[in-house]
Amino acid sequence: MTKMLIFIAGFMVVLSFSFALSPAPGSYAEDRALIEDLQARYMFALDFGDVDKYVETFTPDGILDIGEGEIRGREAIRKIIAGMRRPKEATEKESANLRPATGRHNITNIVIKVEGNKAKGVAYWFHYGNNNPQRAAALDSYGHYVDEMVKINGRWYFSKRRIYNEQVDKWAAPPGNPCW
């Protein structure tokens, strides 16, 4: 009987800790985790050429602004992203002796402000790839995002994503701190 009581008490302690460590539904911690998940799904979709998953990170009327004006709606975004030339596609035929070129995006310094079912965010991004004759890894581009997001049925989406790219003059960020 004593062993059973000790087991039950131990189980209750473990259960209590698991609830205590879980973010409360609708809390800032939960929203931030879900927004960071949105940002990561966006990056994976972009890097692996998954146009459908990329487009699904936006609201149906979402806006993507890559520096040449706003692209509105999922179908318009789909056209732009589907038309992008991927490094692997561009280099597969160039050299049979080298691995195809690839690239990966990362984000860091993520700032998020949540207000109910809306949020805004700023984050640095950088891209590294091996699209060079040696296929050596290299940091080749960087910038930052300025985002507006909405939560619909418990899931976060970009309602607007503005991409600044410091490698391209017309896409470079204006002077000043982008955080509010």
C-alpha atoms as a PDB file:
ATOM      1  CA  MET A   1       0.000   0.000   0.000  1.00  0.00           C
ATOM      2  CA  THR A   2       2.834   2.416   0.880  1.00  0.00           C
ATOM      3  CA  LYS A   3       4.577   1.742  -2.435  1.00  0.00           C
ATOM      4  CA  MET A   4       1.335   2.511  -4.259  1.00  0.00           C
ATOM      5  CA  LEU A   5       0.907   5.821  -2.388  1.00  0.00           C
ATOM      6  CA  ILE A   6       4.520   6.806  -3.152  1.00  0.00           C
ATOM      7  CA  PHE A   7       3.976   5.935  -6.832  1.00  0.00           C
ATOM      8  CA  ILE A   8       0.755   7.986  -6.993  1.00  0.00           C
ATOM      9  CA  ALA A   9       2.394  10.938  -5.209  1.00  0.00           C
ATOM     10  CA  GLY A  10       5.359  10.817  -7.589  1.00  0.00           C
ATOM     11  CA  PHE A  11       3.040  10.636 -10.588  1.00  0.00           C
ATOM     12  CA  MET A  12       1.098  13.663  -9.317  1.00  0.00           C
ATOM     13  CA  VAL A  13       4.336  15.661  -8.910  1.00  0.00           C
ATOM     14  CA  VAL A  14       5.439  14.823 -12.467  1.00  0.00           C
ATOM     15  CA  LEU A  15       1.978  15.667 -13.790  1.00  0.00           C
ATOM     16  CA  SER A  16       1.973  18.979 -11.898  1.00  0.00           C
ATOM     17  CA  PHE A  17       5.350  19.950 -13.369  1.00  0.00           C
ATOM     18  CA  SER A  18       4.239  19.108 -16.894  1.00  0.00           C
ATOM     19  CA  PHE A  19       1.225  21.404 -16.548  1.00  0.00           C
ATOM     20  CA  ALA A  20       3.312  24.126 -14.939  1.00  0.00           C
ATOM     21  CA  LEU A  21       5.843  24.042 -17.773  1.00  0.00           C
ATOM     22  CA  SER A  22       3.230  24.133 -20.554  1.00  0.00           C
ATOM     23  CA  PRO A  23       2.234  27.588 -21.742  1.00  0.00           C
ATOM     24  CA  ALA A  24      -1.344  28.487 -20.939  1.00  0.00           C
ATOM     25  CA  PRO A  25      -3.641  28.529 -23.996  1.00  0.00           C
ATOM     26  CA  GLY A  26      -3.832  32.061 -25.371  1.00  0.00           C
ATOM     27  CA  SER A  27      -0.851  33.211 -23.305  1.00  0.00           C
ATOM     28  CA  TYR A  28       1.980  35.299 -24.706  1.00  0.00           C
ATOM     29  CA  ALA A  29       4.284  32.271 -24.411  1.00  0.00           C
ATOM     30  CA  GLU A  30       1.940  30.080 -26.460  1.00  0.00           C
ATOM     31  CA  ASP A  31       1.364  32.796 -29.072  1.00  0.00           C
ATOM     32  CA  ARG A  32       5.081  33.473 -29.375  1.00  0.00           C
ATOM     33  CA  ALA A  33       5.826  29.763 -29.793  1.00  0.00           C
ATOM     34  CA  LEU A  34       3.162  29.477 -32.495  1.00  0.00           C
ATOM     35  CA  ILE A  35       4.489  32.582 -34.276  1.00  0.00           C
ATOM     36  CA  GLU A  36       8.034  31.238 -34.188  1.00  0.00           C
ATOM     37  CA  ASP A  37       6.646  27.991 -35.622  1.00  0.00           C
ATOM     38  CA  LEU A  38       5.004  30.024 -38.431  1.00  0.00           C
ATOM     39  CA  GLN A  39       8.340  31.705 -39.191  1.00  0.00           C
ATOM     40  CA  ALA A  40      10.153  28.362 -39.305  1.00  0.00           C
ATOM     41  CA  ARG A  41       7.513  26.720 -41.535  1.00  0.00           C
ATOM     42  CA  TYR A  42       7.843  29.704 -43.893  1.00  0.00           C
ATOM     43  CA  MET A  43      11.641  29.222 -44.073  1.00  0.00           C
ATOM     44  CA  PHE A  44      11.484  25.472 -44.662  1.00  0.00           C
ATOM     45  CA  ALA A  45       8.866  25.914 -47.387  1.00  0.00           C
ATOM     46  CA  LEU A  46      10.966  28.591 -49.084  1.00  0.00           C
ATOM     47  CA  ASP A  47      14.226  26.643 -48.929  1.00  0.00           C
ATOM     48  CA  PHE A  48      12.752  23.374 -50.139  1.00  0.00           C
ATOM     49  CA  GLY A  49      10.633  24.919 -52.895  1.00  0.00           C
ATOM     50  CA  ASP A  50       7.304  23.884 -51.344  1.00  0.00           C
ATOM     51  CA  VAL A  51       5.150  26.604 -52.878  1.00  0.00           C
ATOM     52  CA  ASP A  52       1.883  25.326 -51.376  1.00  0.00           C
ATOM     53  CA  LYS A  53       3.239  25.294 -47.812  1.00  0.00           C
ATOM     54  CA  TYR A  54       4.830  28.707 -48.372  1.00  0.00           C
ATOM     55  CA  VAL A  55       1.549  30.235 -49.540  1.00  0.00           C
ATOM     56  CA  GLU A  56      -0.324  28.646 -46.612  1.00  0.00           C
ATOM     57  CA  THR A  57       1.701  30.776 -44.182  1.00  0.00           C
ATOM     58  CA  PHE A  58      -0.237  33.835 -45.447  1.00  0.00           C
ATOM     59  CA  THR A  59      -3.875  34.783 -44.956  1.00  0.00           C
ATOM     60  CA  PRO A  60      -5.951  34.416 -48.160  1.00  0.00           C
ATOM     61  CA  ASP A  61      -5.611  38.181 -48.711  1.00  0.00           C
ATOM     62  CA  GLY A  62      -2.073  38.349 -47.293  1.00  0.00           C
ATOM     63  CA  ILE A  63       0.588  40.694 -48.606  1.00  0.00           C
ATOM     64  CA  LEU A  64       4.192  39.855 -49.475  1.00  0.00           C
ATOM     65  CA  ASP A  65       6.419  42.865 -50.106  1.00  0.00           C
ATOM     66  CA  ILE A  66       9.860  41.936 -51.405  1.00  0.00           C
ATOM     67  CA  GLY A  67      10.946  45.472 -52.186  1.00  0.00           C
ATOM     68  CA  GLU A  68       9.282  46.061 -55.530  1.00  0.00           C
ATOM     69  CA  GLY A  69       5.757  46.640 -54.327  1.00  0.00           C
ATOM     70  CA  GLU A  70       3.113  44.637 -52.575  1.00  0.00           C
ATOM     71  CA  ILE A  71       2.016  41.255 -53.880  1.00  0.00           C
ATOM     72  CA  ARG A  72      -1.557  40.707 -52.658  1.00  0.00           C
ATOM     73  CA  GLY A  73      -3.322  37.410 -52.127  1.00  0.00           C
ATOM     74  CA  ARG A  74      -2.215  33.795 -52.104  1.00  0.00           C
ATOM     75  CA  GLU A  75      -2.517  33.266 -55.856  1.00  0.00           C
ATOM     76  CA  ALA A  76      -0.353  36.293 -56.671  1.00  0.00           C
ATOM     77  CA  ILE A  77       2.190  35.175 -54.054  1.00  0.00           C
ATOM     78  CA  ARG A  78       2.106  31.655 -55.516  1.00  0.00           C
ATOM     79  CA  LYS A  79       3.015  32.979 -58.987  1.00  0.00           C
ATOM     80  CA  ILE A  80       6.017  34.911 -57.680  1.00  0.00           C
ATOM     81  CA  ILE A  81       7.372  32.089 -55.508  1.00  0.00           C
ATOM     82  CA  ALA A  82       6.759  29.365 -58.116  1.00  0.00           C
ATOM     83  CA  GLY A  83       8.690  31.444 -60.647  1.00  0.00           C
ATOM     84  CA  MET A  84      11.806  31.778 -58.491  1.00  0.00           C
ATOM     85  CA  ARG A  85      14.888  30.050 -59.844  1.00  0.00           C
ATOM     86  CA  ARG A  86      16.277  27.645 -57.283  1.00  0.00           C
ATOM     87  CA  PRO A  87      20.085  27.268 -56.994  1.00  0.00           C
ATOM     88  CA  LYS A  88      19.815  23.478 -57.359  1.00  0.00           C
ATOM     89  CA  GLU A  89      17.861  23.786 -60.603  1.00  0.00           C
ATOM     90  CA  ALA A  90      20.251  26.391 -61.916  1.00  0.00           C
ATOM     91  CA  THR A  91      23.406  24.342 -61.290  1.00  0.00           C
ATOM     92  CA  GLU A  92      22.432  20.686 -61.786  1.00  0.00           C
ATOM     93  CA  LYS A  93      23.463  20.799 -65.439  1.00  0.00           C
ATOM     94  CA  GLU A  94      26.488  23.050 -64.879  1.00  0.00           C
ATOM     95  CA  SER A  95      28.742  20.518 -63.197  1.00  0.00           C
ATOM     96  CA  ALA A  96      28.153  16.804 -62.918  1.00  0.00           C
ATOM     97  CA  ASN A  97      31.160  16.468 -60.575  1.00  0.00           C
ATOM     98  CA  LEU A  98      29.839  18.776 -57.839  1.00  0.00           C
ATOM     99  CA  ARG A  99      26.880  18.582 -55.529  1.00  0.00           C
ATOM    100  CA  PRO A 100      24.006  20.774 -56.651  1.00  0.00           C
ATOM    101  CA  ALA A 101      23.955  24.208 -55.060  1.00  0.00           C
ATOM    102  CA  THR A 102      21.576  24.704 -52.156  1.00  0.00           C
ATOM    103  CA  GLY A 103      20.777  27.446 -49.698  1.00  0.00           C
ATOM    104  CA  ARG A 104      19.207  27.849 -46.280  1.00  0.00           C
ATOM    105  CA  HIS A 105      17.613  30.804 -44.525  1.00  0.00           C
ATOM    106  CA  ASN A 106      17.755  31.422 -40.789  1.00  0.00           C
ATOM    107  CA  ILE A 107      16.145  33.994 -38.550  1.00  0.00           C
ATOM    108  CA  THR A 108      17.395  35.502 -35.326  1.00  0.00           C
ATOM    109  CA  ASN A 109      16.811  38.440 -32.959  1.00  0.00           C
ATOM    110  CA  ILE A 110      13.061  37.900 -33.094  1.00  0.00           C
ATOM    111  CA  VAL A 111      10.934  40.644 -31.533  1.00  0.00           C
ATOM    112  CA  ILE A 112       7.195  39.945 -31.255  1.00  0.00           C
ATOM    113  CA  LYS A 113       4.389  42.073 -29.860  1.00  0.00           C
ATOM    114  CA  VAL A 114       1.050  40.291 -29.450  1.00  0.00           C
ATOM    115  CA  GLU A 115      -2.201  42.211 -29.026  1.00  0.00           C
ATOM    116  CA  GLY A 116      -5.096  39.772 -28.903  1.00  0.00           C
ATOM    117  CA  ASN A 117      -5.428  38.014 -32.265  1.00  0.00           C
ATOM    118  CA  LYS A 118      -2.980  40.371 -33.964  1.00  0.00           C
ATOM    119  CA  ALA A 119       0.775  40.583 -33.692  1.00  0.00           C
ATOM    120  CA  LYS A 120       3.661  42.395 -35.220  1.00  0.00           C
ATOM    121  CA  GLY A 121       7.219  41.248 -35.428  1.00  0.00           C
ATOM    122  CA  VAL A 122      10.700  42.127 -36.547  1.00  0.00           C
ATOM    123  CA  ALA A 123      13.486  39.605 -37.110  1.00  0.00           C
ATOM    124  CA  TYR A 124      16.868  39.445 -38.778  1.00  0.00           C
ATOM    125  CA  TRP A 125      17.307  36.882 -41.527  1.00  0.00           C
ATOM    126  CA  PHE A 126      20.410  35.594 -43.207  1.00  0.00           C
ATOM    127  CA  HIS A 127      21.034  33.186 -46.042  1.00  0.00           C
ATOM    128  CA  TYR A 128      23.925  30.875 -46.516  1.00  0.00           C
ATOM    129  CA  GLY A 129      24.505  28.651 -49.485  1.00  0.00           C
ATOM    130  CA  ASN A 130      27.041  26.868 -51.647  1.00  0.00           C
ATOM    131  CA  ASN A 131      26.228  28.392 -55.030  1.00  0.00           C
ATOM    132  CA  ASN A 132      29.865  28.903 -55.984  1.00  0.00           C
ATOM    133  CA  PRO A 133      32.421  26.936 -58.023  1.00  0.00           C
ATOM    134  CA  GLN A 134      33.846  25.157 -54.952  1.00  0.00           C
ATOM    135  CA  ARG A 135      30.408  24.483 -53.404  1.00  0.00           C
ATOM    136  CA  ALA A 136      31.817  25.973 -50.210  1.00  0.00           C
ATOM    137  CA  ALA A 137      29.368  27.188 -47.565  1.00  0.00           C
ATOM    138  CA  ALA A 138      29.137  30.965 -47.521  1.00  0.00           C
ATOM    139  CA  LEU A 139      26.996  33.623 -45.918  1.00  0.00           C
ATOM    140  CA  ASP A 140      25.721  35.417 -48.998  1.00  0.00           C
ATOM    141  CA  SER A 141      22.817  37.632 -47.997  1.00  0.00           C
ATOM    142  CA  TYR A 142      21.076  39.192 -45.012  1.00  0.00           C
ATOM    143  CA  GLY A 143      18.335  41.576 -44.028  1.00  0.00           C
ATOM    144  CA  HIS A 144      15.281  41.707 -41.829  1.00  0.00           C
ATOM    145  CA  TYR A 145      11.548  41.092 -41.852  1.00  0.00           C
ATOM    146  CA  VAL A 146       8.809  43.394 -40.657  1.00  0.00           C
ATOM    147  CA  ASP A 147       5.649  41.346 -40.118  1.00  0.00           C
ATOM    148  CA  GLU A 148       1.983  41.775 -39.350  1.00  0.00           C
ATOM    149  CA  MET A 149       0.259  38.570 -38.291  1.00  0.00           C
ATOM    150  CA  VAL A 150      -3.226  37.436 -37.346  1.00  0.00           C
ATOM    151  CA  LYS A 151      -4.527  34.423 -35.459  1.00  0.00           C
ATOM    152  CA  ILE A 152      -7.440  32.669 -37.144  1.00  0.00           C
ATOM    153  CA  ASN A 153      -9.027  29.637 -35.466  1.00  0.00           C
ATOM    154  CA  GLY A 154      -6.017  29.267 -33.174  1.00  0.00           C
ATOM    155  CA  ARG A 155      -3.403  29.414 -35.956  1.00  0.00           C
ATOM    156  CA  TRP A 156      -1.114  32.345 -36.833  1.00  0.00           C
ATOM    157  CA  TYR A 157      -0.674  33.631 -40.404  1.00  0.00           C
ATOM    158  CA  PHE A 158       1.188  36.487 -42.023  1.00  0.00           C
ATOM    159  CA  SER A 159      -1.208  39.217 -43.066  1.00  0.00           C
ATOM    160  CA  LYS A 160       1.783  41.202 -44.325  1.00  0.00           C
ATOM    161  CA  ARG A 161       5.472  40.375 -44.611  1.00  0.00           C
ATOM    162  CA  ARG A 162       7.945  43.039 -45.726  1.00  0.00           C
ATOM    163  CA  ILE A 163      11.390  41.718 -46.621  1.00  0.00           C
ATOM    164  CA  TYR A 164      14.418  43.995 -46.531  1.00  0.00           C
ATOM    165  CA  ASN A 165      17.536  42.669 -48.278  1.00  0.00           C
ATOM    166  CA  GLU A 166      20.786  44.515 -47.639  1.00  0.00           C
ATOM    167  CA  GLN A 167      22.433  43.034 -50.746  1.00  0.00           C
ATOM    168  CA  VAL A 168      20.072  44.847 -53.121  1.00  0.00           C
ATOM    169  CA  ASP A 169      20.040  48.662 -53.090  1.00  0.00           C
ATOM    170  CA  LYS A 170      16.333  49.078 -53.865  1.00  0.00           C
ATOM    171  CA  TRP A 171      15.395  46.482 -51.216  1.00  0.00           C
ATOM    172  CA  ALA A 172      17.704  47.803 -48.466  1.00  0.00           C
ATOM    173  CA  ALA A 173      16.197  49.033 -45.217  1.00  0.00           C
ATOM    174  CA  PRO A 174      15.857  52.739 -44.548  1.00  0.00           C
ATOM    175  CA  PRO A 175      18.037  54.158 -41.761  1.00  0.00           C
ATOM    176  CA  GLY A 176      16.851  53.714 -38.206  1.00  0.00           C
ATOM    177  CA  ASN A 177      15.767  51.000 -35.839  1.00  0.00           C
ATOM    178  CA  PRO A 178      12.875  48.960 -37.315  1.00  0.00           C
ATOM    179  CA  CYS A 179      11.510  48.005 -33.884  1.00  0.00           C
ATOM    180  CA  TRP A 180       8.607  50.065 -32.659  1.00  0.00           C
END
